[in-house]
Amino acid sequence: MAGAFIVDISVGAMHTLALSSTGNVYAFGDKPGVGASFSTYHTPVQVNLNGFAASAIAAGSEHSLFIINGTVVSNTLLETIF
């Protein structure tokens, strides 16, 4: 995250998302759905957005949402959309 800073944070029921000034998203907590992994992360892990940058984030009870290129994308659809 060198040269970047956190511009937004969204807190879900069991996980938290952080959006960096460069459009990278970081997740931590219980089952944040980072790619295909559903583990507990105590330190932030970068969400694989397949090279795209997010402009907004939202953490829900069991899901994460991102706005990428003006489109709302869920963490469960990342692998199928891109």
N, C-alpha and C. Protein backbone atom coordinates (compact mmCIF):
# COMPACT_ATOMS: atom_id res chain seq x y z
N MET A 1 0.81 -1.19 0.00
CA MET A 1 0.00 0.00 0.00
C MET A 1 0.86 1.26 0.00
N ALA A 2 2.09 1.14 -0.37
CA ALA A 2 2.96 2.31 -0.38
C ALA A 2 2.42 3.37 -1.33
N GLY A 3 2.37 4.61 -0.88
CA GLY A 3 1.89 5.70 -1.69
C GLY A 3 0.39 5.84 -1.74
N ALA A 4 -0.33 4.97 -1.06
CA ALA A 4 -1.80 5.02 -1.05
C ALA A 4 -2.27 5.25 0.37
N PHE A 5 -3.52 5.69 0.51
CA PHE A 5 -4.13 5.84 1.82
C PHE A 5 -5.58 5.39 1.75
N ILE A 6 -6.15 5.09 2.89
CA ILE A 6 -7.52 4.60 2.96
C ILE A 6 -8.49 5.77 2.83
N VAL A 7 -9.44 5.64 1.89
CA VAL A 7 -10.40 6.72 1.64
C VAL A 7 -11.82 6.36 2.09
N ASP A 8 -12.08 5.06 2.33
CA ASP A 8 -13.41 4.64 2.76
C ASP A 8 -13.30 3.32 3.51
N ILE A 9 -14.18 3.14 4.48
CA ILE A 9 -14.28 1.89 5.24
C ILE A 9 -15.75 1.52 5.31
N SER A 10 -16.04 0.24 5.13
CA SER A 10 -17.41 -0.26 5.26
C SER A 10 -17.38 -1.47 6.19
N VAL A 11 -18.28 -1.46 7.17
CA VAL A 11 -18.31 -2.52 8.18
C VAL A 11 -19.56 -3.37 7.98
N GLY A 12 -19.36 -4.65 7.77
CA GLY A 12 -20.46 -5.60 7.67
C GLY A 12 -20.68 -6.28 9.01
N ALA A 13 -21.52 -7.30 9.02
CA ALA A 13 -21.82 -8.01 10.25
C ALA A 13 -20.60 -8.74 10.80
N MET A 14 -19.80 -9.32 9.90
CA MET A 14 -18.67 -10.14 10.34
C MET A 14 -17.34 -9.76 9.70
N HIS A 15 -17.34 -8.77 8.80
CA HIS A 15 -16.09 -8.38 8.14
C HIS A 15 -16.10 -6.89 7.83
N THR A 16 -14.92 -6.39 7.51
CA THR A 16 -14.73 -4.97 7.21
C THR A 16 -13.98 -4.85 5.89
N LEU A 17 -14.36 -3.85 5.09
CA LEU A 17 -13.67 -3.54 3.84
C LEU A 17 -13.03 -2.16 3.96
N ALA A 18 -11.89 -2.00 3.33
CA ALA A 18 -11.22 -0.69 3.26
C ALA A 18 -10.87 -0.43 1.81
N LEU A 19 -11.17 0.79 1.33
CA LEU A 19 -10.87 1.19 -0.04
C LEU A 19 -9.69 2.15 -0.02
N SER A 20 -8.68 1.86 -0.84
CA SER A 20 -7.50 2.73 -0.90
C SER A 20 -7.69 3.80 -1.96
N SER A 21 -6.85 4.81 -1.90
CA SER A 21 -6.90 5.92 -2.86
C SER A 21 -6.55 5.46 -4.28
N THR A 22 -5.96 4.29 -4.40
CA THR A 22 -5.63 3.75 -5.73
C THR A 22 -6.68 2.78 -6.25
N GLY A 23 -7.77 2.58 -5.50
CA GLY A 23 -8.84 1.69 -5.94
C GLY A 23 -8.71 0.26 -5.50
N ASN A 24 -7.66 -0.04 -4.73
CA ASN A 24 -7.52 -1.39 -4.18
C ASN A 24 -8.46 -1.55 -2.98
N VAL A 25 -8.94 -2.77 -2.78
CA VAL A 25 -9.83 -3.06 -1.66
C VAL A 25 -9.14 -4.08 -0.75
N TYR A 26 -9.24 -3.85 0.55
CA TYR A 26 -8.67 -4.75 1.54
C TYR A 26 -9.80 -5.22 2.45
N ALA A 27 -9.73 -6.48 2.86
CA ALA A 27 -10.78 -7.06 3.70
C ALA A 27 -10.17 -7.74 4.91
N PHE A 28 -10.89 -7.70 6.01
CA PHE A 28 -10.48 -8.46 7.19
C PHE A 28 -11.70 -8.75 8.03
N GLY A 29 -11.57 -9.79 8.85
CA GLY A 29 -12.68 -10.24 9.68
C GLY A 29 -13.00 -11.69 9.39
N ASP A 30 -14.21 -12.10 9.73
CA ASP A 30 -14.64 -13.49 9.58
C ASP A 30 -15.31 -13.69 8.23
N LYS A 31 -14.75 -14.57 7.42
CA LYS A 31 -15.31 -14.94 6.12
C LYS A 31 -15.61 -13.75 5.22
N PRO A 32 -14.61 -12.90 4.93
CA PRO A 32 -14.88 -11.74 4.09
C PRO A 32 -15.07 -12.07 2.61
N GLY A 33 -14.84 -13.33 2.22
CA GLY A 33 -15.03 -13.67 0.81
C GLY A 33 -13.97 -13.08 -0.08
N VAL A 34 -12.74 -13.17 0.33
CA VAL A 34 -11.62 -12.67 -0.47
C VAL A 34 -11.29 -13.73 -1.51
N GLY A 35 -11.72 -13.51 -2.74
CA GLY A 35 -11.54 -14.53 -3.78
C GLY A 35 -12.30 -15.78 -3.40
N ALA A 36 -11.65 -16.93 -3.48
CA ALA A 36 -12.31 -18.19 -3.15
C ALA A 36 -12.08 -18.60 -1.71
N SER A 37 -11.40 -17.76 -0.95
CA SER A 37 -11.05 -18.10 0.43
C SER A 37 -12.08 -17.55 1.42
N PHE A 38 -12.50 -18.39 2.34
CA PHE A 38 -13.48 -17.97 3.34
C PHE A 38 -12.93 -18.22 4.73
N SER A 39 -11.75 -17.71 4.99
CA SER A 39 -11.09 -17.85 6.28
C SER A 39 -11.28 -16.59 7.11
N THR A 40 -10.77 -16.64 8.33
CA THR A 40 -10.77 -15.44 9.18
C THR A 40 -9.44 -14.74 9.02
N TYR A 41 -9.49 -13.43 8.73
CA TYR A 41 -8.29 -12.63 8.55
C TYR A 41 -8.24 -11.57 9.64
N HIS A 42 -7.15 -11.57 10.42
CA HIS A 42 -6.98 -10.58 11.48
C HIS A 42 -6.24 -9.35 10.99
N THR A 43 -5.57 -9.47 9.85
CA THR A 43 -4.93 -8.32 9.22
C THR A 43 -5.52 -8.18 7.82
N PRO A 44 -5.57 -6.98 7.29
CA PRO A 44 -6.19 -6.78 5.97
C PRO A 44 -5.51 -7.59 4.86
N VAL A 45 -6.34 -8.15 3.99
CA VAL A 45 -5.89 -8.92 2.83
C VAL A 45 -6.46 -8.24 1.60
N GLN A 46 -5.63 -8.04 0.57
CA GLN A 46 -6.11 -7.39 -0.64
C GLN A 46 -7.10 -8.28 -1.38
N VAL A 47 -8.23 -7.72 -1.75
CA VAL A 47 -9.24 -8.44 -2.53
C VAL A 47 -8.80 -8.46 -3.99
N ASN A 48 -8.87 -9.61 -4.61
CA ASN A 48 -8.48 -9.74 -6.01
C ASN A 48 -9.61 -9.20 -6.89
N LEU A 49 -9.40 -8.04 -7.47
CA LEU A 49 -10.38 -7.43 -8.38
C LEU A 49 -9.95 -7.62 -9.83
N ASN A 50 -9.09 -8.59 -10.06
CA ASN A 50 -8.64 -8.94 -11.41
C ASN A 50 -8.08 -7.74 -12.18
N GLY A 51 -7.34 -6.89 -11.48
CA GLY A 51 -6.70 -5.76 -12.12
C GLY A 51 -7.55 -4.51 -12.23
N PHE A 52 -8.80 -4.58 -11.83
CA PHE A 52 -9.68 -3.42 -11.89
C PHE A 52 -9.58 -2.62 -10.59
N ALA A 53 -9.96 -1.36 -10.64
CA ALA A 53 -9.97 -0.49 -9.46
C ALA A 53 -11.41 -0.23 -9.05
N ALA A 54 -11.68 -0.28 -7.76
CA ALA A 54 -13.01 0.01 -7.23
C ALA A 54 -13.11 1.50 -6.92
N SER A 55 -14.32 2.04 -7.08
CA SER A 55 -14.55 3.44 -6.72
C SER A 55 -15.42 3.56 -5.47
N ALA A 56 -16.05 2.47 -5.06
CA ALA A 56 -16.87 2.46 -3.84
C ALA A 56 -16.97 1.03 -3.34
N ILE A 57 -17.26 0.88 -2.04
CA ILE A 57 -17.37 -0.44 -1.41
C ILE A 57 -18.57 -0.47 -0.47
N ALA A 58 -19.07 -1.67 -0.20
CA ALA A 58 -20.12 -1.87 0.80
C ALA A 58 -19.98 -3.29 1.35
N ALA A 59 -19.97 -3.41 2.66
CA ALA A 59 -19.89 -4.72 3.31
C ALA A 59 -21.26 -5.04 3.89
N GLY A 60 -21.78 -6.22 3.59
CA GLY A 60 -23.07 -6.64 4.11
C GLY A 60 -22.91 -7.72 5.16
N SER A 61 -23.99 -8.39 5.47
CA SER A 61 -23.92 -9.42 6.51
C SER A 61 -23.09 -10.62 6.04
N GLU A 62 -23.24 -11.03 4.79
CA GLU A 62 -22.47 -12.16 4.28
C GLU A 62 -21.99 -11.91 2.85
N HIS A 63 -21.83 -10.66 2.48
CA HIS A 63 -21.39 -10.34 1.12
C HIS A 63 -20.64 -9.02 1.11
N SER A 64 -19.96 -8.77 0.00
CA SER A 64 -19.27 -7.51 -0.22
C SER A 64 -19.67 -7.01 -1.60
N LEU A 65 -19.83 -5.69 -1.74
CA LEU A 65 -20.16 -5.08 -3.02
C LEU A 65 -19.10 -4.05 -3.37
N PHE A 66 -18.82 -3.94 -4.66
CA PHE A 66 -17.83 -3.00 -5.16
C PHE A 66 -18.42 -2.30 -6.37
N ILE A 67 -18.10 -1.03 -6.58
CA ILE A 67 -18.43 -0.38 -7.84
C ILE A 67 -17.14 -0.34 -8.65
N ILE A 68 -17.20 -0.99 -9.81
CA ILE A 68 -16.06 -1.08 -10.72
C ILE A 68 -16.53 -0.62 -12.09
N ASN A 69 -15.91 0.43 -12.61
CA ASN A 69 -16.29 0.99 -13.91
C ASN A 69 -17.78 1.30 -13.97
N GLY A 70 -18.35 1.81 -12.89
CA GLY A 70 -19.75 2.19 -12.85
C GLY A 70 -20.73 1.05 -12.67
N THR A 71 -20.23 -0.16 -12.47
CA THR A 71 -21.08 -1.34 -12.31
C THR A 71 -20.94 -1.90 -10.90
N VAL A 72 -22.07 -2.26 -10.28
CA VAL A 72 -22.04 -2.89 -8.97
C VAL A 72 -21.71 -4.37 -9.15
N VAL A 73 -20.68 -4.82 -8.44
CA VAL A 73 -20.22 -6.20 -8.52
C VAL A 73 -20.16 -6.77 -7.11
N SER A 74 -20.61 -8.02 -6.95
CA SER A 74 -20.52 -8.67 -5.64
C SER A 74 -19.29 -9.55 -5.59
N ASN A 75 -18.84 -9.86 -4.36
CA ASN A 75 -17.65 -10.71 -4.22
C ASN A 75 -17.91 -12.09 -4.79
N THR A 76 -19.14 -12.55 -4.84
CA THR A 76 -19.42 -13.89 -5.37
C THR A 76 -19.38 -13.92 -6.89
N LEU A 77 -19.46 -12.73 -7.52
CA LEU A 77 -19.46 -12.68 -8.99
C LEU A 77 -18.12 -12.27 -9.58
N LEU A 78 -17.13 -11.95 -8.76
CA LEU A 78 -15.86 -11.45 -9.29
C LEU A 78 -15.22 -12.39 -10.30
N GLU A 79 -15.21 -13.70 -10.00
CA GLU A 79 -14.56 -14.63 -10.91
C GLU A 79 -15.34 -14.81 -12.19
N THR A 80 -16.67 -14.65 -12.17
CA THR A 80 -17.46 -14.90 -13.37
C THR A 80 -17.61 -13.68 -14.25
N ILE A 81 -17.53 -12.48 -13.70
CA ILE A 81 -17.72 -11.27 -14.49
C ILE A 81 -16.45 -10.88 -15.23
N PHE A 82 -15.31 -11.00 -14.58
CA PHE A 82 -14.08 -10.52 -15.22
C PHE A 82 -13.32 -11.64 -15.87
